[in-house]
């Protein structure tokens, strides 16, 4: 991989009306899970991202199906990502998809599919 800027994108479902703490926890799960996926297949990318300061962008989405389609598109392109399903212990039913973590990966590759989404 060339020396392009690396970043991680976290997408949070806003249609669920999660509390602030729940939202932050789900974003943290997405970040860590996606990072670990990157380590499995592109350890060099993960290490470089850590050294460069772990740039993250947090975006919002309003629909579970849209989020699932995004995850499928990134997987198809070979870009590491991870969907977060809630454990159902507090605010949401078990299995509710709450967040999607993508990368770390080349920013321009992430922007192609996430560029239309708004910041959280």
PDB file of N, CA and C in Angstrom:
ATOM      1  N   UNK A   1       0.853  -1.178   0.000  1.00  0.00           N
ATOM      2  CA  UNK A   1       0.000   0.000   0.000  1.00  0.00           C
ATOM      3  C   UNK A   1       0.893   1.234   0.000  1.00  0.00           C
ATOM      4  N   UNK A   2       0.540   2.209  -0.823  1.00  0.00           N
ATOM      5  CA  UNK A   2       1.344   3.425  -0.895  1.00  0.00           C
ATOM      6  C   UNK A   2       1.134   4.291   0.343  1.00  0.00           C
ATOM      7  N   UNK A   3       1.733   5.455   0.350  1.00  0.00           N
ATOM      8  CA  UNK A   3       1.735   6.305   1.531  1.00  0.00           C
ATOM      9  C   UNK A   3       0.527   7.250   1.601  1.00  0.00           C
ATOM     10  N   UNK A   4      -0.587   6.869   1.016  1.00  0.00           N
ATOM     11  CA  UNK A   4      -1.801   7.671   1.122  1.00  0.00           C
ATOM     12  C   UNK A   4      -2.264   7.784   2.557  1.00  0.00           C
ATOM     13  N   UNK A   5      -3.018   8.851   2.833  1.00  0.00           N
ATOM     14  CA  UNK A   5      -3.562   9.040   4.170  1.00  0.00           C
ATOM     15  C   UNK A   5      -4.482   7.880   4.552  1.00  0.00           C
ATOM     16  N   UNK A   6      -4.288   7.378   5.762  1.00  0.00           N
ATOM     17  CA  UNK A   6      -5.129   6.309   6.283  1.00  0.00           C
ATOM     18  C   UNK A   6      -6.127   6.896   7.272  1.00  0.00           C
ATOM     19  N   UNK A   7      -7.309   6.317   7.296  1.00  0.00           N
ATOM     20  CA  UNK A   7      -8.295   6.708   8.295  1.00  0.00           C
ATOM     21  C   UNK A   7      -9.246   5.543   8.533  1.00  0.00           C
ATOM     22  N   UNK A   8     -10.002   5.687   9.589  1.00  0.00           N
ATOM     23  CA  UNK A   8     -11.041   4.726   9.916  1.00  0.00           C
ATOM     24  C   UNK A   8     -12.360   5.489   9.906  1.00  0.00           C
ATOM     25  N   UNK A   9     -13.394   4.859   9.396  1.00  0.00           N
ATOM     26  CA  UNK A   9     -14.721   5.462   9.390  1.00  0.00           C
ATOM     27  C   UNK A   9     -15.618   4.644  10.306  1.00  0.00           C
ATOM     28  N   UNK A  10     -16.321   5.344  11.192  1.00  0.00           N
ATOM     29  CA  UNK A  10     -17.299   4.730  12.080  1.00  0.00           C
ATOM     30  C   UNK A  10     -18.654   5.295  11.692  1.00  0.00           C
ATOM     31  N   UNK A  11     -19.608   4.408  11.426  1.00  0.00           N
ATOM     32  CA  UNK A  11     -20.958   4.836  11.057  1.00  0.00           C
ATOM     33  C   UNK A  11     -21.917   4.384  12.154  1.00  0.00           C
ATOM     34  N   UNK A  12     -22.678   5.337  12.666  1.00  0.00           N
ATOM     35  CA  UNK A  12     -23.609   5.098  13.766  1.00  0.00           C
ATOM     36  C   UNK A  12     -25.043   5.255  13.263  1.00  0.00           C
ATOM     37  N   UNK A  13     -25.903   4.334  13.654  1.00  0.00           N
ATOM     38  CA  UNK A  13     -27.327   4.450  13.310  1.00  0.00           C
ATOM     39  C   UNK A  13     -28.004   5.482  14.202  1.00  0.00           C
ATOM     40  N   UNK A  14     -28.543   6.517  13.590  1.00  0.00           N
ATOM     41  CA  UNK A  14     -29.224   7.569  14.337  1.00  0.00           C
ATOM     42  C   UNK A  14     -30.723   7.317  14.470  1.00  0.00           C
ATOM     43  N   UNK A  15     -31.273   6.386  13.725  1.00  0.00           N
ATOM     44  CA  UNK A  15     -32.704   6.100  13.827  1.00  0.00           C
ATOM     45  C   UNK A  15     -33.054   5.346  15.106  1.00  0.00           C
ATOM     46  N   UNK A  16     -32.072   4.900  15.856  1.00  0.00           N
ATOM     47  CA  UNK A  16     -32.312   4.127  17.072  1.00  0.00           C
ATOM     48  C   UNK A  16     -32.492   4.990  18.315  1.00  0.00           C
ATOM     49  N   UNK A  17     -32.163   6.262  18.245  1.00  0.00           N
ATOM     50  CA  UNK A  17     -32.258   7.167  19.398  1.00  0.00           C
ATOM     51  C   UNK A  17     -31.527   6.620  20.622  1.00  0.00           C
ATOM     52  N   UNK A  18     -30.318   6.136  20.410  1.00  0.00           N
ATOM     53  CA  UNK A  18     -29.499   5.651  21.520  1.00  0.00           C
ATOM     54  C   UNK A  18     -29.066   6.832  22.382  1.00  0.00           C
ATOM     55  N   UNK A  19     -28.910   6.596  23.676  1.00  0.00           N
ATOM     56  CA  UNK A  19     -28.363   7.617  24.559  1.00  0.00           C
ATOM     57  C   UNK A  19     -26.911   7.889  24.210  1.00  0.00           C
ATOM     58  N   UNK A  20     -26.364   8.957  24.752  1.00  0.00           N
ATOM     59  CA  UNK A  20     -24.990   9.350  24.444  1.00  0.00           C
ATOM     60  C   UNK A  20     -23.995   8.251  24.809  1.00  0.00           C
ATOM     61  N   UNK A  21     -24.125   7.705  26.018  1.00  0.00           N
ATOM     62  CA  UNK A  21     -23.199   6.651  26.438  1.00  0.00           C
ATOM     63  C   UNK A  21     -23.281   5.420  25.551  1.00  0.00           C
ATOM     64  N   UNK A  22     -24.491   5.032  25.192  1.00  0.00           N
ATOM     65  CA  UNK A  22     -24.701   3.871  24.327  1.00  0.00           C
ATOM     66  C   UNK A  22     -24.080   4.126  22.953  1.00  0.00           C
ATOM     67  N   UNK A  23     -24.293   5.331  22.424  1.00  0.00           N
ATOM     68  CA  UNK A  23     -23.735   5.683  21.113  1.00  0.00           C
ATOM     69  C   UNK A  23     -22.215   5.603  21.131  1.00  0.00           C
ATOM     70  N   UNK A  24     -21.604   6.169  22.160  1.00  0.00           N
ATOM     71  CA  UNK A  24     -20.142   6.155  22.281  1.00  0.00           C
ATOM     72  C   UNK A  24     -19.636   4.716  22.405  1.00  0.00           C
ATOM     73  N   UNK A  25     -20.306   3.903  23.211  1.00  0.00           N
ATOM     74  CA  UNK A  25     -19.888   2.505  23.381  1.00  0.00           C
ATOM     75  C   UNK A  25     -19.972   1.738  22.064  1.00  0.00           C
ATOM     76  N   UNK A  26     -21.048   1.941  21.317  1.00  0.00           N
ATOM     77  CA  UNK A  26     -21.208   1.228  20.046  1.00  0.00           C
ATOM     78  C   UNK A  26     -20.149   1.675  19.037  1.00  0.00           C
ATOM     79  N   UNK A  27     -19.827   2.969  19.028  1.00  0.00           N
ATOM     80  CA  UNK A  27     -18.759   3.463  18.159  1.00  0.00           C
ATOM     81  C   UNK A  27     -17.407   2.886  18.541  1.00  0.00           C
ATOM     82  N   UNK A  28     -17.169   2.751  19.841  1.00  0.00           N
ATOM     83  CA  UNK A  28     -15.911   2.160  20.309  1.00  0.00           C
ATOM     84  C   UNK A  28     -15.821   0.698  19.897  1.00  0.00           C
ATOM     85  N   UNK A  29     -16.928  -0.029  20.018  1.00  0.00           N
ATOM     86  CA  UNK A  29     -16.949  -1.428  19.560  1.00  0.00           C
ATOM     87  C   UNK A  29     -16.610  -1.500  18.069  1.00  0.00           C
ATOM     88  N   UNK A  30     -17.240  -0.634  17.280  1.00  0.00           N
ATOM     89  CA  UNK A  30     -17.016  -0.635  15.832  1.00  0.00           C
ATOM     90  C   UNK A  30     -15.554  -0.343  15.499  1.00  0.00           C
ATOM     91  N   UNK A  31     -14.972   0.624  16.191  1.00  0.00           N
ATOM     92  CA  UNK A  31     -13.587   0.990  15.943  1.00  0.00           C
ATOM     93  C   UNK A  31     -12.645  -0.174  16.236  1.00  0.00           C
ATOM     94  N   UNK A  32     -12.789  -0.755  17.412  1.00  0.00           N
ATOM     95  CA  UNK A  32     -11.902  -1.847  17.803  1.00  0.00           C
ATOM     96  C   UNK A  32     -12.093  -3.079  16.915  1.00  0.00           C
ATOM     97  N   UNK A  33     -13.338  -3.445  16.659  1.00  0.00           N
ATOM     98  CA  UNK A  33     -13.598  -4.637  15.847  1.00  0.00           C
ATOM     99  C   UNK A  33     -13.038  -4.483  14.435  1.00  0.00           C
ATOM    100  N   UNK A  34     -13.227  -3.309  13.845  1.00  0.00           N
ATOM    101  CA  UNK A  34     -12.723  -3.073  12.494  1.00  0.00           C
ATOM    102  C   UNK A  34     -11.199  -3.038  12.472  1.00  0.00           C
ATOM    103  N   UNK A  35     -10.606  -2.422  13.482  1.00  0.00           N
ATOM    104  CA  UNK A  35      -9.147  -2.418  13.595  1.00  0.00           C
ATOM    105  C   UNK A  35      -8.608  -3.852  13.655  1.00  0.00           C
ATOM    106  N   UNK A  36      -9.234  -4.698  14.467  1.00  0.00           N
ATOM    107  CA  UNK A  36      -8.777  -6.085  14.599  1.00  0.00           C
ATOM    108  C   UNK A  36      -8.940  -6.852  13.283  1.00  0.00           C
ATOM    109  N   UNK A  37      -9.983  -6.539  12.516  1.00  0.00           N
ATOM    110  CA  UNK A  37     -10.129  -7.148  11.187  1.00  0.00           C
ATOM    111  C   UNK A  37      -8.982  -6.719  10.279  1.00  0.00           C
ATOM    112  N   UNK A  38      -8.600  -5.454  10.380  1.00  0.00           N
ATOM    113  CA  UNK A  38      -7.489  -4.954   9.558  1.00  0.00           C
ATOM    114  C   UNK A  38      -6.187  -5.641   9.956  1.00  0.00           C
ATOM    115  N   UNK A  39      -5.957  -5.800  11.249  1.00  0.00           N
ATOM    116  CA  UNK A  39      -4.744  -6.469  11.726  1.00  0.00           C
ATOM    117  C   UNK A  39      -4.642  -7.879  11.134  1.00  0.00           C
ATOM    118  N   UNK A  40      -5.758  -8.583  11.043  1.00  0.00           N
ATOM    119  CA  UNK A  40      -5.759  -9.964  10.527  1.00  0.00           C
ATOM    120  C   UNK A  40      -5.248 -10.053   9.101  1.00  0.00           C
ATOM    121  N   UNK A  41      -5.639  -9.098   8.267  1.00  0.00           N
ATOM    122  CA  UNK A  41      -5.329  -9.227   6.840  1.00  0.00           C
ATOM    123  C   UNK A  41      -4.328  -8.202   6.304  1.00  0.00           C
ATOM    124  N   UNK A  42      -4.156  -7.098   7.014  1.00  0.00           N
ATOM    125  CA  UNK A  42      -3.229  -6.047   6.573  1.00  0.00           C
ATOM    126  C   UNK A  42      -2.550  -5.429   7.796  1.00  0.00           C
ATOM    127  N   UNK A  43      -1.755  -6.234   8.471  1.00  0.00           N
ATOM    128  CA  UNK A  43      -1.104  -5.784   9.702  1.00  0.00           C
ATOM    129  C   UNK A  43      -0.278  -4.523   9.473  1.00  0.00           C
ATOM    130  N   UNK A  44       0.354  -4.412   8.312  1.00  0.00           N
ATOM    131  CA  UNK A  44       1.171  -3.238   8.000  1.00  0.00           C
ATOM    132  C   UNK A  44       0.333  -1.961   7.977  1.00  0.00           C
ATOM    133  N   UNK A  45      -0.871  -2.047   7.438  1.00  0.00           N
ATOM    134  CA  UNK A  45      -1.764  -0.889   7.389  1.00  0.00           C
ATOM    135  C   UNK A  45      -2.179  -0.499   8.809  1.00  0.00           C
ATOM    136  N   UNK A  46      -2.570  -1.478   9.604  1.00  0.00           N
ATOM    137  CA  UNK A  46      -2.992  -1.221  10.982  1.00  0.00           C
ATOM    138  C   UNK A  46      -1.866  -0.571  11.785  1.00  0.00           C
ATOM    139  N   UNK A  47      -0.645  -1.070  11.645  1.00  0.00           N
ATOM    140  CA  UNK A  47       0.485  -0.516  12.382  1.00  0.00           C
ATOM    141  C   UNK A  47       0.788   0.918  11.948  1.00  0.00           C
ATOM    142  N   UNK A  48       0.730   1.164  10.645  1.00  0.00           N
ATOM    143  CA  UNK A  48       1.001   2.516  10.149  1.00  0.00           C
ATOM    144  C   UNK A  48      -0.060   3.500  10.649  1.00  0.00           C
ATOM    145  N   UNK A  49      -1.317   3.073  10.652  1.00  0.00           N
ATOM    146  CA  UNK A  49      -2.413   3.917  11.137  1.00  0.00           C
ATOM    147  C   UNK A  49      -2.194   4.301  12.600  1.00  0.00           C
ATOM    148  N   UNK A  50      -1.777   3.339  13.404  1.00  0.00           N
ATOM    149  CA  UNK A  50      -1.488   3.616  14.819  1.00  0.00           C
ATOM    150  C   UNK A  50      -0.372   4.659  14.929  1.00  0.00           C
ATOM    151  N   UNK A  51       0.693   4.475  14.170  1.00  0.00           N
ATOM    152  CA  UNK A  51       1.829   5.403  14.226  1.00  0.00           C
ATOM    153  C   UNK A  51       1.455   6.806  13.767  1.00  0.00           C
ATOM    154  N   UNK A  52       0.483   6.897  12.848  1.00  0.00           N
ATOM    155  CA  UNK A  52       0.103   8.190  12.270  1.00  0.00           C
ATOM    156  C   UNK A  52      -0.975   8.918  13.081  1.00  0.00           C
ATOM    157  N   UNK A  53      -1.432   8.338  14.183  1.00  0.00           N
ATOM    158  CA  UNK A  53      -2.359   9.055  15.051  1.00  0.00           C
ATOM    159  C   UNK A  53      -3.796   8.570  15.050  1.00  0.00           C
ATOM    160  N   UNK A  54      -4.082   7.483  14.346  1.00  0.00           N
ATOM    161  CA  UNK A  54      -5.403   6.833  14.400  1.00  0.00           C
ATOM    162  C   UNK A  54      -6.551   7.736  13.965  1.00  0.00           C
ATOM    163  N   UNK A  55      -6.435   8.381  12.812  1.00  0.00           N
ATOM    164  CA  UNK A  55      -7.484   9.277  12.317  1.00  0.00           C
ATOM    165  C   UNK A  55      -8.801   8.509  12.171  1.00  0.00           C
ATOM    166  N   UNK A  56      -9.872   9.125  12.703  1.00  0.00           N
ATOM    167  CA  UNK A  56     -11.215   8.546  12.628  1.00  0.00           C
ATOM    168  C   UNK A  56     -12.203   9.611  12.184  1.00  0.00           C
ATOM    169  N   UNK A  57     -13.193   9.179  11.423  1.00  0.00           N
ATOM    170  CA  UNK A  57     -14.305  10.030  11.016  1.00  0.00           C
ATOM    171  C   UNK A  57     -15.571   9.328  11.483  1.00  0.00           C
ATOM    172  N   UNK A  58     -16.468  10.061  12.149  1.00  0.00           N
ATOM    173  CA  UNK A  58     -17.701   9.481  12.663  1.00  0.00           C
ATOM    174  C   UNK A  58     -18.870  10.037  11.857  1.00  0.00           C
ATOM    175  N   UNK A  59     -19.604   9.135  11.229  1.00  0.00           N
ATOM    176  CA  UNK A  59     -20.721   9.504  10.363  1.00  0.00           C
ATOM    177  C   UNK A  59     -22.013   8.894  10.885  1.00  0.00           C
ATOM    178  N   UNK A  60     -23.130   9.368  10.347  1.00  0.00           N
ATOM    179  CA  UNK A  60     -24.425   8.830  10.765  1.00  0.00           C
ATOM    180  C   UNK A  60     -25.188   8.284   9.568  1.00  0.00           C
ATOM    181  N   UNK A  61     -26.053   7.330   9.886  1.00  0.00           N
ATOM    182  CA  UNK A  61     -26.920   6.712   8.885  1.00  0.00           C
ATOM    183  C   UNK A  61     -28.265   6.489   9.556  1.00  0.00           C
ATOM    184  N   UNK A  62     -29.319   6.399   8.771  1.00  0.00           N
ATOM    185  CA  UNK A  62     -30.653   6.331   9.366  1.00  0.00           C
ATOM    186  C   UNK A  62     -31.394   5.026   9.096  1.00  0.00           C
ATOM    187  N   UNK A  63     -30.670   3.997   8.676  1.00  0.00           N
ATOM    188  CA  UNK A  63     -31.371   2.784   8.278  1.00  0.00           C
ATOM    189  C   UNK A  63     -30.434   1.574   8.362  1.00  0.00           C
ATOM    190  N   UNK A  64     -30.918   0.495   8.980  1.00  0.00           N
ATOM    191  CA  UNK A  64     -30.115  -0.720   9.125  1.00  0.00           C
ATOM    192  C   UNK A  64     -29.763  -1.338   7.775  1.00  0.00           C
ATOM    193  N   UNK A  65     -30.704  -1.374   6.853  1.00  0.00           N
ATOM    194  CA  UNK A  65     -30.437  -1.981   5.544  1.00  0.00           C
ATOM    195  C   UNK A  65     -29.362  -1.224   4.777  1.00  0.00           C
ATOM    196  N   UNK A  66     -29.389   0.092   4.837  1.00  0.00           N
ATOM    197  CA  UNK A  66     -28.339   0.891   4.187  1.00  0.00           C
ATOM    198  C   UNK A  66     -26.974   0.552   4.779  1.00  0.00           C
ATOM    199  N   UNK A  67     -26.927   0.413   6.097  1.00  0.00           N
ATOM    200  CA  UNK A  67     -25.669   0.097   6.763  1.00  0.00           C
ATOM    201  C   UNK A  67     -25.170  -1.285   6.351  1.00  0.00           C
ATOM    202  N   UNK A  68     -26.072  -2.253   6.281  1.00  0.00           N
ATOM    203  CA  UNK A  68     -25.691  -3.604   5.855  1.00  0.00           C
ATOM    204  C   UNK A  68     -25.165  -3.597   4.421  1.00  0.00           C
ATOM    205  N   UNK A  69     -25.825  -2.829   3.549  1.00  0.00           N
ATOM    206  CA  UNK A  69     -25.364  -2.753   2.148  1.00  0.00           C
ATOM    207  C   UNK A  69     -23.976  -2.133   2.058  1.00  0.00           C
ATOM    208  N   UNK A  70     -23.714  -1.116   2.874  1.00  0.00           N
ATOM    209  CA  UNK A  70     -22.371  -0.523   2.906  1.00  0.00           C
ATOM    210  C   UNK A  70     -21.335  -1.557   3.336  1.00  0.00           C
ATOM    211  N   UNK A  71     -21.639  -2.310   4.383  1.00  0.00           N
ATOM    212  CA  UNK A  71     -20.708  -3.344   4.855  1.00  0.00           C
ATOM    213  C   UNK A  71     -20.439  -4.359   3.749  1.00  0.00           C
ATOM    214  N   UNK A  72     -21.470  -4.769   3.052  1.00  0.00           N
ATOM    215  CA  UNK A  72     -21.297  -5.725   1.951  1.00  0.00           C
ATOM    216  C   UNK A  72     -20.425  -5.146   0.845  1.00  0.00           C
ATOM    217  N   UNK A  73     -20.615  -3.874   0.534  1.00  0.00           N
ATOM    218  CA  UNK A  73     -19.818  -3.229  -0.518  1.00  0.00           C
ATOM    219  C   UNK A  73     -18.344  -3.171  -0.121  1.00  0.00           C
ATOM    220  N   UNK A  74     -18.057  -2.830   1.136  1.00  0.00           N
ATOM    221  CA  UNK A  74     -16.661  -2.780   1.571  1.00  0.00           C
ATOM    222  C   UNK A  74     -16.045  -4.171   1.581  1.00  0.00           C
ATOM    223  N   UNK A  75     -16.786  -5.160   2.025  1.00  0.00           N
ATOM    224  CA  UNK A  75     -16.271  -6.532   2.007  1.00  0.00           C
ATOM    225  C   UNK A  75     -15.977  -6.978   0.576  1.00  0.00           C
ATOM    226  N   UNK A  76     -16.856  -6.630  -0.342  1.00  0.00           N
ATOM    227  CA  UNK A  76     -16.663  -6.972  -1.755  1.00  0.00           C
ATOM    228  C   UNK A  76     -15.367  -6.350  -2.283  1.00  0.00           C
ATOM    229  N   UNK A  77     -15.064  -5.138  -1.849  1.00  0.00           N
ATOM    230  CA  UNK A  77     -13.843  -4.450  -2.285  1.00  0.00           C
ATOM    231  C   UNK A  77     -12.600  -4.916  -1.525  1.00  0.00           C
ATOM    232  N   UNK A  78     -12.778  -5.804  -0.535  1.00  0.00           N
ATOM    233  CA  UNK A  78     -11.640  -6.308   0.228  1.00  0.00           C
ATOM    234  C   UNK A  78     -11.153  -5.356   1.297  1.00  0.00           C
ATOM    235  N   UNK A  79     -12.013  -4.425   1.710  1.00  0.00           N
ATOM    236  CA  UNK A  79     -11.656  -3.454   2.739  1.00  0.00           C
ATOM    237  C   UNK A  79     -12.199  -3.955   4.078  1.00  0.00           C
ATOM    238  N   UNK A  80     -11.342  -4.096   5.078  1.00  0.00           N
ATOM    239  CA  UNK A  80     -11.783  -4.630   6.368  1.00  0.00           C
ATOM    240  C   UNK A  80     -12.863  -3.763   7.012  1.00  0.00           C
ATOM    241  N   UNK A  81     -13.876  -4.431   7.551  1.00  0.00           N
ATOM    242  CA  UNK A  81     -14.951  -3.723   8.240  1.00  0.00           C
ATOM    243  C   UNK A  81     -15.621  -4.669   9.231  1.00  0.00           C
ATOM    244  N   UNK A  82     -16.442  -4.101  10.108  1.00  0.00           N
ATOM    245  CA  UNK A  82     -17.125  -4.910  11.117  1.00  0.00           C
ATOM    246  C   UNK A  82     -18.448  -4.260  11.501  1.00  0.00           C
ATOM    247  N   UNK A  83     -19.513  -5.048  11.454  1.00  0.00           N
ATOM    248  CA  UNK A  83     -20.827  -4.615  11.919  1.00  0.00           C
ATOM    249  C   UNK A  83     -20.968  -4.933  13.402  1.00  0.00           C
ATOM    250  N   UNK A  84     -21.557  -4.022  14.145  1.00  0.00           N
ATOM    251  CA  UNK A  84     -21.771  -4.215  15.575  1.00  0.00           C
ATOM    252  C   UNK A  84     -23.236  -4.572  15.818  1.00  0.00           C
ATOM    253  N   UNK A  85     -23.451  -5.678  16.511  1.00  0.00           N
ATOM    254  CA  UNK A  85     -24.791  -6.084  16.948  1.00  0.00           C
ATOM    255  C   UNK A  85     -24.863  -5.938  18.453  1.00  0.00           C
ATOM    256  N   UNK A  86     -25.909  -5.282  18.933  1.00  0.00           N
ATOM    257  CA  UNK A  86     -26.044  -5.041  20.366  1.00  0.00           C
ATOM    258  C   UNK A  86     -26.324  -6.330  21.125  1.00  0.00           C
ATOM    259  N   UNK A  87     -25.806  -6.411  22.331  1.00  0.00           N
ATOM    260  CA  UNK A  87     -25.998  -7.585  23.188  1.00  0.00           C
ATOM    261  C   UNK A  87     -27.381  -7.623  23.827  1.00  0.00           C
ATOM    262  N   UNK A  88     -28.116  -6.514  23.776  1.00  0.00           N
ATOM    263  CA  UNK A  88     -29.466  -6.497  24.309  1.00  0.00           C
ATOM    264  C   UNK A  88     -29.554  -6.364  25.817  1.00  0.00           C
ATOM    265  N   UNK A  89     -28.524  -5.870  26.461  1.00  0.00           N
ATOM    266  CA  UNK A  89     -28.519  -5.785  27.919  1.00  0.00           C
ATOM    267  C   UNK A  89     -29.113  -4.482  28.467  1.00  0.00           C
ATOM    268  N   UNK A  90     -29.236  -3.455  27.623  1.00  0.00           N
ATOM    269  CA  UNK A  90     -29.727  -2.171  28.144  1.00  0.00           C
ATOM    270  C   UNK A  90     -30.853  -1.612  27.277  1.00  0.00           C
ATOM    271  N   UNK A  91     -30.542  -0.757  26.326  1.00  0.00           N
ATOM    272  CA  UNK A  91     -31.548   0.020  25.607  1.00  0.00           C
ATOM    273  C   UNK A  91     -32.175  -0.655  24.397  1.00  0.00           C
ATOM    274  N   UNK A  92     -31.498  -1.609  23.813  1.00  0.00           N
ATOM    275  CA  UNK A  92     -31.933  -2.159  22.528  1.00  0.00           C
ATOM    276  C   UNK A  92     -32.143  -3.670  22.595  1.00  0.00           C
ATOM    277  N   UNK A  93     -32.984  -4.195  21.712  1.00  0.00           N
ATOM    278  CA  UNK A  93     -33.141  -5.649  21.654  1.00  0.00           C
ATOM    279  C   UNK A  93     -31.842  -6.322  21.173  1.00  0.00           C
ATOM    280  N   UNK A  94     -31.594  -7.516  21.672  1.00  0.00           N
ATOM    281  CA  UNK A  94     -30.432  -8.293  21.270  1.00  0.00           C
ATOM    282  C   UNK A  94     -30.398  -8.443  19.747  1.00  0.00           C
ATOM    283  N   UNK A  95     -29.206  -8.219  19.177  1.00  0.00           N
ATOM    284  CA  UNK A  95     -29.014  -8.381  17.740  1.00  0.00           C
ATOM    285  C   UNK A  95     -29.245  -7.134  16.905  1.00  0.00           C
ATOM    286  N   UNK A  96     -29.680  -6.054  17.532  1.00  0.00           N
ATOM    287  CA  UNK A  96     -29.877  -4.804  16.792  1.00  0.00           C
ATOM    288  C   UNK A  96     -28.541  -4.317  16.248  1.00  0.00           C
ATOM    289  N   UNK A  97     -28.468  -4.069  14.951  1.00  0.00           N
ATOM    290  CA  UNK A  97     -27.258  -3.524  14.338  1.00  0.00           C
ATOM    291  C   UNK A  97     -27.164  -2.045  14.685  1.00  0.00           C
ATOM    292  N   UNK A  98     -26.082  -1.655  15.325  1.00  0.00           N
ATOM    293  CA  UNK A  98     -25.954  -0.284  15.821  1.00  0.00           C
ATOM    294  C   UNK A  98     -24.886   0.549  15.123  1.00  0.00           C
ATOM    295  N   UNK A  99     -23.839  -0.091  14.631  1.00  0.00           N
ATOM    296  CA  UNK A  99     -22.703   0.657  14.097  1.00  0.00           C
ATOM    297  C   UNK A  99     -21.925  -0.199  13.097  1.00  0.00           C
ATOM    298  N   UNK A 100     -21.146   0.496  12.290  1.00  0.00           N
ATOM    299  CA  UNK A 100     -20.267  -0.149  11.321  1.00  0.00           C
ATOM    300  C   UNK A 100     -18.912   0.520  11.413  1.00  0.00           C
ATOM    301  N   UNK A 101     -17.871  -0.267  11.584  1.00  0.00           N
ATOM    302  CA  UNK A 101     -16.505   0.232  11.552  1.00  0.00           C
ATOM    303  C   UNK A 101     -15.865  -0.188  10.243  1.00  0.00           C
ATOM    304  N   UNK A 102     -15.143   0.733   9.621  1.00  0.00           N
ATOM    305  CA  UNK A 102     -14.492   0.460   8.336  1.00  0.00           C
ATOM    306  C   UNK A 102     -13.039   0.903   8.428  1.00  0.00           C
ATOM    307  N   UNK A 103     -12.151  -0.026   8.105  1.00  0.00           N
ATOM    308  CA  UNK A 103     -10.735   0.288   8.113  1.00  0.00           C
ATOM    309  C   UNK A 103     -10.118   0.184   9.494  1.00  0.00           C
ATOM    310  N   UNK A 104      -8.922   0.707   9.601  1.00  0.00           N
ATOM    311  CA  UNK A 104      -8.268   1.746   8.826  1.00  0.00           C
ATOM    312  C   UNK A 104      -7.922   1.294   7.400  1.00  0.00           C
ATOM    313  N   UNK A 105      -8.006   2.288   6.505  1.00  0.00           N
ATOM    314  CA  UNK A 105      -7.730   2.036   5.094  1.00  0.00           C
ATOM    315  C   UNK A 105      -7.454   3.367   4.406  1.00  0.00           C
ATOM    316  N   UNK A 106      -7.113   3.305   3.120  1.00  0.00           N
ATOM    317  CA  UNK A 106      -6.870   4.518   2.342  1.00  0.00           C
ATOM    318  C   UNK A 106      -8.131   5.380   2.331  1.00  0.00           C
ATOM    319  N   UNK A 107      -7.962   6.639   2.723  1.00  0.00           N
ATOM    320  CA  UNK A 107      -9.091   7.547   2.818  1.00  0.00           C
ATOM    321  C   UNK A 107      -9.899   7.671   1.545  1.00  0.00           C
ATOM    322  N   UNK A 108      -9.235   7.762   0.413  1.00  0.00           N
ATOM    323  CA  UNK A 108      -9.984   7.956  -0.838  1.00  0.00           C
ATOM    324  C   UNK A 108     -10.858   6.743  -1.154  1.00  0.00           C
ATOM    325  N   UNK A 109     -10.416   5.545  -0.793  1.00  0.00           N
ATOM    326  CA  UNK A 109     -11.227   4.347  -1.010  1.00  0.00           C
ATOM    327  C   UNK A 109     -12.460   4.337  -0.116  1.00  0.00           C
ATOM    328  N   UNK A 110     -12.321   4.863   1.096  1.00  0.00           N
ATOM    329  CA  UNK A 110     -13.449   4.925   2.019  1.00  0.00           C
ATOM    330  C   UNK A 110     -14.442   6.003   1.597  1.00  0.00           C
ATOM    331  N   UNK A 111     -13.918   7.121   1.127  1.00  0.00           N
ATOM    332  CA  UNK A 111     -14.768   8.247   0.746  1.00  0.00           C
ATOM    333  C   UNK A 111     -15.694   7.920  -0.423  1.00  0.00           C
ATOM    334  N   UNK A 112     -15.276   7.037  -1.292  1.00  0.00           N
ATOM    335  CA  UNK A 112     -16.102   6.684  -2.457  1.00  0.00           C
ATOM    336  C   UNK A 112     -17.489   6.194  -2.009  1.00  0.00           C
ATOM    337  N   UNK A 113     -17.522   5.384  -0.965  1.00  0.00           N
ATOM    338  CA  UNK A 113     -18.796   4.812  -0.513  1.00  0.00           C
ATOM    339  C   UNK A 113     -19.437   5.568   0.655  1.00  0.00           C
ATOM    340  N   UNK A 114     -18.669   6.394   1.353  1.00  0.00           N
ATOM    341  CA  UNK A 114     -19.219   7.076   2.532  1.00  0.00           C
ATOM    342  C   UNK A 114     -19.336   8.589   2.360  1.00  0.00           C
ATOM    343  N   UNK A 115     -18.870   9.107   1.242  1.00  0.00           N
ATOM    344  CA  UNK A 115     -18.819  10.558   1.044  1.00  0.00           C
ATOM    345  C   UNK A 115     -20.149  11.280   1.130  1.00  0.00           C
ATOM    346  N   UNK A 116     -21.257  10.584   0.881  1.00  0.00           N
ATOM    347  CA  UNK A 116     -22.572  11.230   0.934  1.00  0.00           C
ATOM    348  C   UNK A 116     -23.155  11.272   2.333  1.00  0.00           C
ATOM    349  N   UNK A 117     -22.552  10.543   3.275  1.00  0.00           N
ATOM    350  CA  UNK A 117     -23.065  10.520   4.639  1.00  0.00           C
ATOM    351  C   UNK A 117     -22.626  11.766   5.404  1.00  0.00           C
ATOM    352  N   UNK A 118     -23.434  12.181   6.361  1.00  0.00           N
ATOM    353  CA  UNK A 118     -23.164  13.374   7.171  1.00  0.00           C
ATOM    354  C   UNK A 118     -22.398  13.010   8.438  1.00  0.00           C
ATOM    355  N   UNK A 119     -21.645  13.983   8.949  1.00  0.00           N
ATOM    356  CA  UNK A 119     -20.961  13.804  10.225  1.00  0.00           C
ATOM    357  C   UNK A 119     -21.980  13.643  11.339  1.00  0.00           C
ATOM    358  N   UNK A 120     -21.622  12.836  12.336  1.00  0.00           N
ATOM    359  CA  UNK A 120     -22.506  12.637  13.485  1.00  0.00           C
ATOM    360  C   UNK A 120     -22.560  13.889  14.328  1.00  0.00           C
TER     361      UNK A 120
END
